[in-house]
Amino acid sequence: MKITEEKGKIILEDLHDFNPVHTFMCGQCFRWDEADGGFIGIAHGRAVLVKQTENGNVEIYNTTKKDFNDIWCDYFDFNTDYGAIKNTLSSDDSLKKAIKFGGGIRILNQEPFECLISFIISTQNSIPRIKRIITKMSELFGEKIEFNGKTYYAFPTCETLAQLTESDLAPLKAGYRAEYILDASKKLKNGEVDLNSLFDADIQSARKELLKIKGVGPKVADCVLLFSLKKHGAFPIDVWIGRIMRSLYLGENATMKEILKFSSEKFSDYAGFAQQYLFYYARENKLIG
């Protein structure tokens, strides 16, 4: 991959296995929106525009080469060899089709606190409503960001949210999730749960810690493990991925526990990648409701 800095943007040449549409539309993150011929996203207190040109180059606006090396290269998981991962997973016929369809997915390494709160909000919720709640929360409690003549807002800090009450969160219209947002923020602020320590923990121990937080069940925990803590063996199972796995592999009577065991044994450390390819393929092709 060749990196060039030019007038407020960087240009990435010879970058393989990355497609912004696949990556930003596969349900792993809620802060990217189509705009200005690409996708504008908010992360790490910054707003950036990502475009893929006709010749395959990727342009990231409102950043520098230093910020790319310090932040975005890891955020977009550009140091991981997705070609090797896809070659391994493609030995399975169902996955081979899914990978051919959504082979530009990369798993974003999101900030753990934002990822945790976002997936707490996602519980029994639609993507448009999840995005509205997160946007409103950021507008009310996050720092202002100016980019291209528009105003955006960073995700609020744990310290800020921990000081709030449920009535403070009422404008979000998050319902019962407001209690969970506050519980998570307070547990992290007082050190009862230390997200950063989970990077070095094994997946079972990390999952157990996350389950201490109200509103965090196995699916939310595994989303946080996969999308922010680099636990690629995590396999988030919701009703949709459950249907996919039953349809493709296990039959209609398979339990969530059986699906988790099967995915761990079949896909091992690549389970999270398999989950993303399968989910995106099935959803975009209307194979699930």
C-alpha atoms as a PDB file:
ATOM      1  CA  MET A   1       0.000   0.000   0.000  1.00  0.00           C
ATOM      2  CA  LYS A   2       1.393   3.382  -1.056  1.00  0.00           C
ATOM      3  CA  ILE A   3       0.384   6.437   1.017  1.00  0.00           C
ATOM      4  CA  THR A   4       0.520   9.968  -0.396  1.00  0.00           C
ATOM      5  CA  GLU A   5      -0.474  13.168   1.417  1.00  0.00           C
ATOM      6  CA  GLU A   6      -1.973  15.918  -0.732  1.00  0.00           C
ATOM      7  CA  LYS A   7      -3.887  19.096   0.215  1.00  0.00           C
ATOM      8  CA  GLY A   8      -5.879  17.964   3.231  1.00  0.00           C
ATOM      9  CA  LYS A   9      -6.255  14.357   2.200  1.00  0.00           C
ATOM     10  CA  ILE A  10      -4.305  11.154   1.843  1.00  0.00           C
ATOM     11  CA  ILE A  11      -4.405   8.833  -1.150  1.00  0.00           C
ATOM     12  CA  LEU A  12      -4.001   5.080  -0.723  1.00  0.00           C
ATOM     13  CA  GLU A  13      -2.796   3.153  -3.760  1.00  0.00           C
ATOM     14  CA  ASP A  14      -2.457  -0.620  -4.138  1.00  0.00           C
ATOM     15  CA  LEU A  15      -4.892  -1.196  -1.279  1.00  0.00           C
ATOM     16  CA  HIS A  16      -6.607  -4.551  -1.539  1.00  0.00           C
ATOM     17  CA  ASP A  17      -9.712  -6.083   0.057  1.00  0.00           C
ATOM     18  CA  PHE A  18     -11.443  -2.832   0.994  1.00  0.00           C
ATOM     19  CA  ASN A  19     -14.728  -1.486  -0.299  1.00  0.00           C
ATOM     20  CA  PRO A  20     -16.318   1.431   1.605  1.00  0.00           C
ATOM     21  CA  VAL A  21     -19.867   0.327   0.763  1.00  0.00           C
ATOM     22  CA  HIS A  22     -19.257  -3.194   2.056  1.00  0.00           C
ATOM     23  CA  THR A  23     -17.455  -1.978   5.168  1.00  0.00           C
ATOM     24  CA  PHE A  24     -19.800   0.821   6.199  1.00  0.00           C
ATOM     25  CA  MET A  25     -23.076  -0.897   5.274  1.00  0.00           C
ATOM     26  CA  CYS A  26     -22.568  -4.265   6.969  1.00  0.00           C
ATOM     27  CA  GLY A  27     -24.028  -3.217  10.327  1.00  0.00           C
ATOM     28  CA  GLN A  28     -20.850  -3.024  12.393  1.00  0.00           C
ATOM     29  CA  CYS A  29     -20.821   0.753  12.945  1.00  0.00           C
ATOM     30  CA  PHE A  30     -23.484   3.464  13.057  1.00  0.00           C
ATOM     31  CA  ARG A  31     -21.525   6.666  12.414  1.00  0.00           C
ATOM     32  CA  TRP A  32     -20.890   6.459   8.685  1.00  0.00           C
ATOM     33  CA  ASP A  33     -23.265   7.997   6.143  1.00  0.00           C
ATOM     34  CA  GLU A  34     -23.197   8.364   2.373  1.00  0.00           C
ATOM     35  CA  ALA A  35     -22.332  11.947   1.416  1.00  0.00           C
ATOM     36  CA  ASP A  36     -20.252  13.963  -1.046  1.00  0.00           C
ATOM     37  CA  GLY A  37     -19.564  11.013  -3.316  1.00  0.00           C
ATOM     38  CA  GLY A  38     -18.306   8.817  -0.510  1.00  0.00           C
ATOM     39  CA  PHE A  39     -18.908   8.213   3.185  1.00  0.00           C
ATOM     40  CA  ILE A  40     -18.491  10.714   6.012  1.00  0.00           C
ATOM     41  CA  GLY A  41     -17.718   9.196   9.376  1.00  0.00           C
ATOM     42  CA  ILE A  42     -17.044  10.389  12.913  1.00  0.00           C
ATOM     43  CA  ALA A  43     -14.429   8.580  14.991  1.00  0.00           C
ATOM     44  CA  HIS A  44     -11.658   9.505  17.407  1.00  0.00           C
ATOM     45  CA  GLY A  45     -13.035  13.032  17.691  1.00  0.00           C
ATOM     46  CA  ARG A  46     -12.594  13.634  13.979  1.00  0.00           C
ATOM     47  CA  ALA A  47     -14.757  13.788  10.861  1.00  0.00           C
ATOM     48  CA  VAL A  48     -13.368  12.270   7.671  1.00  0.00           C
ATOM     49  CA  LEU A  49     -14.651  11.641   4.167  1.00  0.00           C
ATOM     50  CA  VAL A  50     -13.699   8.348   2.514  1.00  0.00           C
ATOM     51  CA  LYS A  51     -13.977   7.925  -1.252  1.00  0.00           C
ATOM     52  CA  GLN A  52     -12.990   5.121  -3.588  1.00  0.00           C
ATOM     53  CA  THR A  53     -12.038   6.345  -7.048  1.00  0.00           C
ATOM     54  CA  GLU A  54     -12.694   4.605 -10.355  1.00  0.00           C
ATOM     55  CA  ASN A  55      -9.104   3.375 -10.492  1.00  0.00           C
ATOM     56  CA  GLY A  56      -9.496   1.695  -7.084  1.00  0.00           C
ATOM     57  CA  ASN A  57      -7.538   4.207  -5.022  1.00  0.00           C
ATOM     58  CA  VAL A  58      -8.966   5.245  -1.664  1.00  0.00           C
ATOM     59  CA  GLU A  59      -8.956   8.908  -0.632  1.00  0.00           C
ATOM     60  CA  ILE A  60      -9.417  10.004   2.979  1.00  0.00           C
ATOM     61  CA  TYR A  61     -10.159  13.715   3.370  1.00  0.00           C
ATOM     62  CA  ASN A  62      -9.522  15.903   6.427  1.00  0.00           C
ATOM     63  CA  THR A  63      -6.555  13.924   7.655  1.00  0.00           C
ATOM     64  CA  THR A  64      -2.776  13.766   7.446  1.00  0.00           C
ATOM     65  CA  LYS A  65      -0.264  11.014   6.894  1.00  0.00           C
ATOM     66  CA  LYS A  66       0.600  11.192  10.589  1.00  0.00           C
ATOM     67  CA  ASP A  67      -3.042  10.753  11.625  1.00  0.00           C
ATOM     68  CA  PHE A  68      -3.374   7.915   9.153  1.00  0.00           C
ATOM     69  CA  ASN A  69      -0.416   6.104  10.687  1.00  0.00           C
ATOM     70  CA  ASP A  70      -1.495   6.884  14.261  1.00  0.00           C
ATOM     71  CA  ILE A  71      -5.266   6.341  13.936  1.00  0.00           C
ATOM     72  CA  TRP A  72      -6.841   5.350  10.646  1.00  0.00           C
ATOM     73  CA  CYS A  73      -4.577   2.517   9.559  1.00  0.00           C
ATOM     74  CA  ASP A  74      -5.542   0.591  12.695  1.00  0.00           C
ATOM     75  CA  TYR A  75      -9.163   1.797  12.658  1.00  0.00           C
ATOM     76  CA  PHE A  76      -9.682   0.393   9.151  1.00  0.00           C
ATOM     77  CA  ASP A  77      -7.627  -2.717   9.971  1.00  0.00           C
ATOM     78  CA  PHE A  78      -5.370  -2.105   6.988  1.00  0.00           C
ATOM     79  CA  ASN A  79      -2.484  -4.082   8.508  1.00  0.00           C
ATOM     80  CA  THR A  80      -4.479  -7.331   8.463  1.00  0.00           C
ATOM     81  CA  ASP A  81      -4.106  -9.641   5.456  1.00  0.00           C
ATOM     82  CA  TYR A  82      -7.731 -10.137   4.440  1.00  0.00           C
ATOM     83  CA  GLY A  83      -6.662 -12.000   1.316  1.00  0.00           C
ATOM     84  CA  ALA A  84      -5.289 -14.823   3.459  1.00  0.00           C
ATOM     85  CA  ILE A  85      -8.406 -14.830   5.655  1.00  0.00           C
ATOM     86  CA  LYS A  86     -10.695 -15.030   2.628  1.00  0.00           C
ATOM     87  CA  ASN A  87      -8.653 -17.814   1.072  1.00  0.00           C
ATOM     88  CA  THR A  88      -9.007 -19.879   4.238  1.00  0.00           C
ATOM     89  CA  LEU A  89     -12.734 -19.260   4.664  1.00  0.00           C
ATOM     90  CA  SER A  90     -13.478 -19.842   0.968  1.00  0.00           C
ATOM     91  CA  SER A  91     -12.966 -23.577   1.428  1.00  0.00           C
ATOM     92  CA  ASP A  92     -16.600 -23.480   2.607  1.00  0.00           C
ATOM     93  CA  ASP A  93     -18.984 -23.190  -0.369  1.00  0.00           C
ATOM     94  CA  SER A  94     -21.514 -20.930   1.382  1.00  0.00           C
ATOM     95  CA  LEU A  95     -18.796 -18.599   2.590  1.00  0.00           C
ATOM     96  CA  LYS A  96     -17.150 -18.577  -0.810  1.00  0.00           C
ATOM     97  CA  LYS A  97     -20.331 -17.070  -2.291  1.00  0.00           C
ATOM     98  CA  ALA A  98     -20.626 -14.581   0.557  1.00  0.00           C
ATOM     99  CA  ILE A  99     -17.006 -13.503   0.226  1.00  0.00           C
ATOM    100  CA  LYS A 100     -17.337 -13.041  -3.520  1.00  0.00           C
ATOM    101  CA  PHE A 101     -20.292 -10.741  -2.862  1.00  0.00           C
ATOM    102  CA  GLY A 102     -18.921  -8.740   0.086  1.00  0.00           C
ATOM    103  CA  GLY A 103     -15.196  -9.248  -0.144  1.00  0.00           C
ATOM    104  CA  GLY A 104     -14.463  -5.586   0.563  1.00  0.00           C
ATOM    105  CA  ILE A 105     -15.571  -5.798   4.193  1.00  0.00           C
ATOM    106  CA  ARG A 106     -12.963  -4.910   6.775  1.00  0.00           C
ATOM    107  CA  ILE A 107     -13.751  -5.092  10.463  1.00  0.00           C
ATOM    108  CA  LEU A 108     -13.392  -1.622  11.951  1.00  0.00           C
ATOM    109  CA  ASN A 109     -11.450  -1.310  15.194  1.00  0.00           C
ATOM    110  CA  GLN A 110     -13.798   1.100  16.934  1.00  0.00           C
ATOM    111  CA  GLU A 111     -13.294   2.875  20.237  1.00  0.00           C
ATOM    112  CA  PRO A 112     -14.461   0.392  22.904  1.00  0.00           C
ATOM    113  CA  PHE A 113     -16.682   2.751  24.923  1.00  0.00           C
ATOM    114  CA  GLU A 114     -18.511   4.079  21.872  1.00  0.00           C
ATOM    115  CA  CYS A 115     -18.923   0.554  20.524  1.00  0.00           C
ATOM    116  CA  LEU A 116     -20.320  -0.679  23.850  1.00  0.00           C
ATOM    117  CA  ILE A 117     -22.900   2.093  24.151  1.00  0.00           C
ATOM    118  CA  SER A 118     -23.832   1.832  20.472  1.00  0.00           C
ATOM    119  CA  PHE A 119     -24.628  -1.865  20.704  1.00  0.00           C
ATOM    120  CA  ILE A 120     -26.509  -1.420  23.974  1.00  0.00           C
ATOM    121  CA  ILE A 121     -28.659   1.059  22.040  1.00  0.00           C
ATOM    122  CA  SER A 122     -28.986  -1.452  19.182  1.00  0.00           C
ATOM    123  CA  THR A 123     -30.861  -3.986  21.316  1.00  0.00           C
ATOM    124  CA  GLN A 124     -34.272  -4.683  19.749  1.00  0.00           C
ATOM    125  CA  ASN A 125     -33.859  -1.607  17.579  1.00  0.00           C
ATOM    126  CA  SER A 126     -33.714  -0.696  13.879  1.00  0.00           C
ATOM    127  CA  ILE A 127     -30.589   0.754  12.296  1.00  0.00           C
ATOM    128  CA  PRO A 128     -32.223   4.124  11.410  1.00  0.00           C
ATOM    129  CA  ARG A 129     -33.414   4.549  15.008  1.00  0.00           C
ATOM    130  CA  ILE A 130     -30.060   3.465  16.442  1.00  0.00           C
ATOM    131  CA  LYS A 131     -28.346   6.094  14.298  1.00  0.00           C
ATOM    132  CA  ARG A 132     -30.822   8.787  15.346  1.00  0.00           C
ATOM    133  CA  ILE A 133     -30.265   8.070  19.040  1.00  0.00           C
ATOM    134  CA  ILE A 134     -26.477   8.080  18.685  1.00  0.00           C
ATOM    135  CA  THR A 135     -26.537  11.285  16.625  1.00  0.00           C
ATOM    136  CA  LYS A 136     -28.785  13.043  19.153  1.00  0.00           C
ATOM    137  CA  MET A 137     -26.633  11.872  22.057  1.00  0.00           C
ATOM    138  CA  SER A 138     -23.535  13.221  20.344  1.00  0.00           C
ATOM    139  CA  GLU A 139     -25.214  16.549  19.566  1.00  0.00           C
ATOM    140  CA  LEU A 140     -26.283  16.991  23.187  1.00  0.00           C
ATOM    141  CA  PHE A 141     -23.205  15.731  25.013  1.00  0.00           C
ATOM    142  CA  GLY A 142     -20.308  15.482  22.543  1.00  0.00           C
ATOM    143  CA  GLU A 143     -17.711  17.939  21.297  1.00  0.00           C
ATOM    144  CA  LYS A 144     -18.425  19.970  18.163  1.00  0.00           C
ATOM    145  CA  ILE A 145     -16.498  19.140  14.972  1.00  0.00           C
ATOM    146  CA  GLU A 146     -16.453  21.412  11.907  1.00  0.00           C
ATOM    147  CA  PHE A 147     -15.810  19.853   8.498  1.00  0.00           C
ATOM    148  CA  ASN A 148     -16.575  21.073   4.959  1.00  0.00           C
ATOM    149  CA  GLY A 149     -18.817  23.845   6.254  1.00  0.00           C
ATOM    150  CA  LYS A 150     -20.938  21.460   8.307  1.00  0.00           C
ATOM    151  CA  THR A 151     -21.123  20.717  12.017  1.00  0.00           C
ATOM    152  CA  TYR A 152     -20.727  17.216  13.403  1.00  0.00           C
ATOM    153  CA  TYR A 153     -20.352  15.943  16.946  1.00  0.00           C
ATOM    154  CA  ALA A 154     -17.971  13.487  18.532  1.00  0.00           C
ATOM    155  CA  PHE A 155     -19.348  10.655  20.619  1.00  0.00           C
ATOM    156  CA  PRO A 156     -19.564  11.749  24.275  1.00  0.00           C
ATOM    157  CA  THR A 157     -17.002  10.529  26.762  1.00  0.00           C
ATOM    158  CA  CYS A 158     -17.627   7.997  29.479  1.00  0.00           C
ATOM    159  CA  GLU A 159     -17.009  10.697  32.097  1.00  0.00           C
ATOM    160  CA  THR A 160     -19.661  12.957  30.582  1.00  0.00           C
ATOM    161  CA  LEU A 161     -22.348  10.281  30.338  1.00  0.00           C
ATOM    162  CA  ALA A 162     -21.636   8.945  33.832  1.00  0.00           C
ATOM    163  CA  GLN A 163     -22.671  12.301  35.328  1.00  0.00           C
ATOM    164  CA  LEU A 164     -26.086  12.292  33.671  1.00  0.00           C
ATOM    165  CA  THR A 165     -29.503  11.103  34.809  1.00  0.00           C
ATOM    166  CA  GLU A 166     -32.251   9.275  32.950  1.00  0.00           C
ATOM    167  CA  SER A 167     -34.130  12.566  32.616  1.00  0.00           C
ATOM    168  CA  ASP A 168     -31.047  14.058  30.919  1.00  0.00           C
ATOM    169  CA  LEU A 169     -31.270  11.252  28.366  1.00  0.00           C
ATOM    170  CA  ALA A 170     -35.026  11.631  27.798  1.00  0.00           C
ATOM    171  CA  PRO A 171     -34.576  13.679  24.564  1.00  0.00           C
ATOM    172  CA  LEU A 172     -32.863  10.650  23.010  1.00  0.00           C
ATOM    173  CA  LYS A 173     -36.085   8.633  23.215  1.00  0.00           C
ATOM    174  CA  ALA A 174     -33.975   5.582  23.974  1.00  0.00           C
ATOM    175  CA  GLY A 175     -36.575   4.061  26.291  1.00  0.00           C
ATOM    176  CA  TYR A 176     -35.379   1.408  28.736  1.00  0.00           C
ATOM    177  CA  ARG A 177     -31.899   1.599  27.196  1.00  0.00           C
ATOM    178  CA  ALA A 178     -31.253   4.906  29.008  1.00  0.00           C
ATOM    179  CA  GLU A 179     -30.792   2.994  32.263  1.00  0.00           C
ATOM    180  CA  TYR A 180     -28.303   0.681  30.567  1.00  0.00           C
ATOM    181  CA  ILE A 181     -26.353   3.570  29.034  1.00  0.00           C
ATOM    182  CA  LEU A 182     -25.914   5.110  32.467  1.00  0.00           C
ATOM    183  CA  ASP A 183     -25.037   1.808  34.143  1.00  0.00           C
ATOM    184  CA  ALA A 184     -22.330   1.106  31.570  1.00  0.00           C
ATOM    185  CA  SER A 185     -20.899   4.616  31.829  1.00  0.00           C
ATOM    186  CA  LYS A 186     -20.776   4.524  35.626  1.00  0.00           C
ATOM    187  CA  LYS A 187     -19.258   1.040  35.796  1.00  0.00           C
ATOM    188  CA  LEU A 188     -16.504   2.124  33.436  1.00  0.00           C
ATOM    189  CA  LYS A 189     -15.901   5.444  35.171  1.00  0.00           C
ATOM    190  CA  ASN A 190     -15.562   3.871  38.619  1.00  0.00           C
ATOM    191  CA  GLY A 191     -13.319   1.096  37.325  1.00  0.00           C
ATOM    192  CA  GLU A 192     -15.719  -1.762  37.971  1.00  0.00           C
ATOM    193  CA  VAL A 193     -15.193  -2.736  34.337  1.00  0.00           C
ATOM    194  CA  ASP A 194     -11.966  -1.794  32.525  1.00  0.00           C
ATOM    195  CA  LEU A 195     -12.459  -2.062  28.773  1.00  0.00           C
ATOM    196  CA  ASN A 196      -8.821  -1.446  27.895  1.00  0.00           C
ATOM    197  CA  SER A 197      -7.699  -4.385  30.028  1.00  0.00           C
ATOM    198  CA  LEU A 198      -9.839  -6.678  27.884  1.00  0.00           C
ATOM    199  CA  PHE A 199      -7.517  -6.318  24.897  1.00  0.00           C
ATOM    200  CA  ASP A 200      -5.109  -8.658  26.689  1.00  0.00           C
ATOM    201  CA  ALA A 201      -7.746 -10.980  28.171  1.00  0.00           C
ATOM    202  CA  ASP A 202      -8.843 -14.233  26.559  1.00  0.00           C
ATOM    203  CA  ILE A 203     -12.210 -14.125  24.844  1.00  0.00           C
ATOM    204  CA  GLN A 204     -14.094 -15.985  27.589  1.00  0.00           C
ATOM    205  CA  SER A 205     -12.771 -13.725  30.362  1.00  0.00           C
ATOM    206  CA  ALA A 206     -13.455 -10.595  28.328  1.00  0.00           C
ATOM    207  CA  ARG A 207     -17.009 -11.725  27.594  1.00  0.00           C
ATOM    208  CA  LYS A 208     -17.605 -12.438  31.294  1.00  0.00           C
ATOM    209  CA  GLU A 209     -16.510  -8.908  32.213  1.00  0.00           C
ATOM    210  CA  LEU A 210     -18.805  -7.301  29.662  1.00  0.00           C
ATOM    211  CA  LEU A 211     -21.772  -9.321  30.901  1.00  0.00           C
ATOM    212  CA  LYS A 212     -21.491  -7.499  34.257  1.00  0.00           C
ATOM    213  CA  ILE A 213     -23.060  -4.469  32.584  1.00  0.00           C
ATOM    214  CA  LYS A 214     -26.835  -4.054  32.479  1.00  0.00           C
ATOM    215  CA  GLY A 215     -28.222  -4.477  28.990  1.00  0.00           C
ATOM    216  CA  VAL A 216     -25.233  -6.487  27.793  1.00  0.00           C
ATOM    217  CA  GLY A 217     -26.166 -10.008  26.762  1.00  0.00           C
ATOM    218  CA  PRO A 218     -24.118 -12.476  24.717  1.00  0.00           C
ATOM    219  CA  LYS A 219     -24.837 -10.774  21.374  1.00  0.00           C
ATOM    220  CA  VAL A 220     -23.920  -7.259  22.536  1.00  0.00           C
ATOM    221  CA  ALA A 221     -20.841  -8.595  24.326  1.00  0.00           C
ATOM    222  CA  ASP A 222     -19.645 -10.385  21.209  1.00  0.00           C
ATOM    223  CA  CYS A 223     -20.214  -7.280  19.067  1.00  0.00           C
ATOM    224  CA  VAL A 224     -17.995  -5.290  21.426  1.00  0.00           C
ATOM    225  CA  LEU A 225     -15.385  -8.061  21.428  1.00  0.00           C
ATOM    226  CA  LEU A 226     -15.307  -8.258  17.636  1.00  0.00           C
ATOM    227  CA  PHE A 227     -15.741  -4.629  16.617  1.00  0.00           C
ATOM    228  CA  SER A 228     -13.572  -2.892  19.208  1.00  0.00           C
ATOM    229  CA  LEU A 229     -11.412  -5.373  21.152  1.00  0.00           C
ATOM    230  CA  LYS A 230      -9.925  -7.355  18.242  1.00  0.00           C
ATOM    231  CA  LYS A 231     -11.374 -10.685  19.384  1.00  0.00           C
ATOM    232  CA  HIS A 232     -11.839 -12.151  15.919  1.00  0.00           C
ATOM    233  CA  GLY A 233     -13.037 -15.456  17.313  1.00  0.00           C
ATOM    234  CA  ALA A 234     -16.219 -13.757  18.550  1.00  0.00           C
ATOM    235  CA  PHE A 235     -19.373 -14.635  16.613  1.00  0.00           C
ATOM    236  CA  PRO A 236     -22.280 -12.292  17.456  1.00  0.00           C
ATOM    237  CA  ILE A 237     -25.574 -14.143  17.133  1.00  0.00           C
ATOM    238  CA  ASP A 238     -28.843 -12.281  16.769  1.00  0.00           C
ATOM    239  CA  VAL A 239     -32.085 -13.486  15.248  1.00  0.00           C
ATOM    240  CA  TRP A 240     -30.801 -12.818  11.726  1.00  0.00           C
ATOM    241  CA  ILE A 241     -27.479 -14.621  11.930  1.00  0.00           C
ATOM    242  CA  GLY A 242     -29.321 -17.413  13.745  1.00  0.00           C
ATOM    243  CA  ARG A 243     -31.594 -17.836  10.729  1.00  0.00           C
ATOM    244  CA  ILE A 244     -28.636 -17.791   8.345  1.00  0.00           C
ATOM    245  CA  MET A 245     -26.754 -20.466  10.273  1.00  0.00           C
ATOM    246  CA  ARG A 246     -29.815 -22.682  10.581  1.00  0.00           C
ATOM    247  CA  SER A 247     -30.561 -22.320   6.886  1.00  0.00           C
ATOM    248  CA  LEU A 248     -27.032 -22.959   5.636  1.00  0.00           C
ATOM    249  CA  TYR A 249     -25.581 -25.372   8.160  1.00  0.00           C
ATOM    250  CA  LEU A 250     -27.556 -26.668  11.127  1.00  0.00           C
ATOM    251  CA  GLY A 251     -31.255 -27.031  10.430  1.00  0.00           C
ATOM    252  CA  GLU A 252     -34.204 -25.117  11.824  1.00  0.00           C
ATOM    253  CA  ASN A 253     -34.077 -26.582  15.344  1.00  0.00           C
ATOM    254  CA  ALA A 254     -30.507 -25.530  16.186  1.00  0.00           C
ATOM    255  CA  THR A 255     -30.190 -23.521  19.405  1.00  0.00           C
ATOM    256  CA  MET A 256     -28.060 -20.402  19.870  1.00  0.00           C
ATOM    257  CA  LYS A 257     -25.666 -22.479  21.991  1.00  0.00           C
ATOM    258  CA  GLU A 258     -25.295 -25.031  19.195  1.00  0.00           C
ATOM    259  CA  ILE A 259     -24.722 -22.277  16.637  1.00  0.00           C
ATOM    260  CA  LEU A 260     -22.004 -20.708  18.782  1.00  0.00           C
ATOM    261  CA  LYS A 261     -20.278 -24.070  19.283  1.00  0.00           C
ATOM    262  CA  PHE A 262     -20.463 -24.855  15.567  1.00  0.00           C
ATOM    263  CA  SER A 263     -19.106 -21.454  14.505  1.00  0.00           C
ATOM    264  CA  SER A 264     -16.233 -21.695  16.976  1.00  0.00           C
ATOM    265  CA  GLU A 265     -15.257 -25.166  15.788  1.00  0.00           C
ATOM    266  CA  LYS A 266     -15.737 -24.496  12.068  1.00  0.00           C
ATOM    267  CA  PHE A 267     -14.321 -20.984  11.744  1.00  0.00           C
ATOM    268  CA  SER A 268     -12.048 -20.803  14.816  1.00  0.00           C
ATOM    269  CA  ASP A 269     -10.147 -17.501  15.040  1.00  0.00           C
ATOM    270  CA  TYR A 270     -11.826 -16.309  11.834  1.00  0.00           C
ATOM    271  CA  ALA A 271     -15.378 -16.699  13.185  1.00  0.00           C
ATOM    272  CA  GLY A 272     -15.997 -12.955  13.331  1.00  0.00           C
ATOM    273  CA  PHE A 273     -14.945 -12.459   9.721  1.00  0.00           C
ATOM    274  CA  ALA A 274     -17.210 -15.324   8.650  1.00  0.00           C
ATOM    275  CA  GLN A 275     -20.108 -13.761  10.534  1.00  0.00           C
ATOM    276  CA  GLN A 276     -19.722 -10.456   8.724  1.00  0.00           C
ATOM    277  CA  TYR A 277     -19.462 -11.986   5.255  1.00  0.00           C
ATOM    278  CA  LEU A 278     -22.483 -14.246   5.844  1.00  0.00           C
ATOM    279  CA  PHE A 279     -24.645 -11.547   7.398  1.00  0.00           C
ATOM    280  CA  TYR A 280     -23.966  -8.954   4.697  1.00  0.00           C
ATOM    281  CA  TYR A 281     -24.519 -11.455   1.876  1.00  0.00           C
ATOM    282  CA  ALA A 282     -27.765 -12.768   3.331  1.00  0.00           C
ATOM    283  CA  ARG A 283     -29.185  -9.342   4.165  1.00  0.00           C
ATOM    284  CA  GLU A 284     -28.340  -7.698   0.854  1.00  0.00           C
ATOM    285  CA  ASN A 285     -29.724 -10.642  -1.111  1.00  0.00           C
ATOM    286  CA  LYS A 286     -32.918 -10.827   0.961  1.00  0.00           C
ATOM    287  CA  LEU A 287     -32.079 -14.277   2.272  1.00  0.00           C
ATOM    288  CA  ILE A 288     -33.296 -13.150   5.692  1.00  0.00           C
ATOM    289  CA  GLY A 289     -36.346 -11.134   6.656  1.00  0.00           C
END
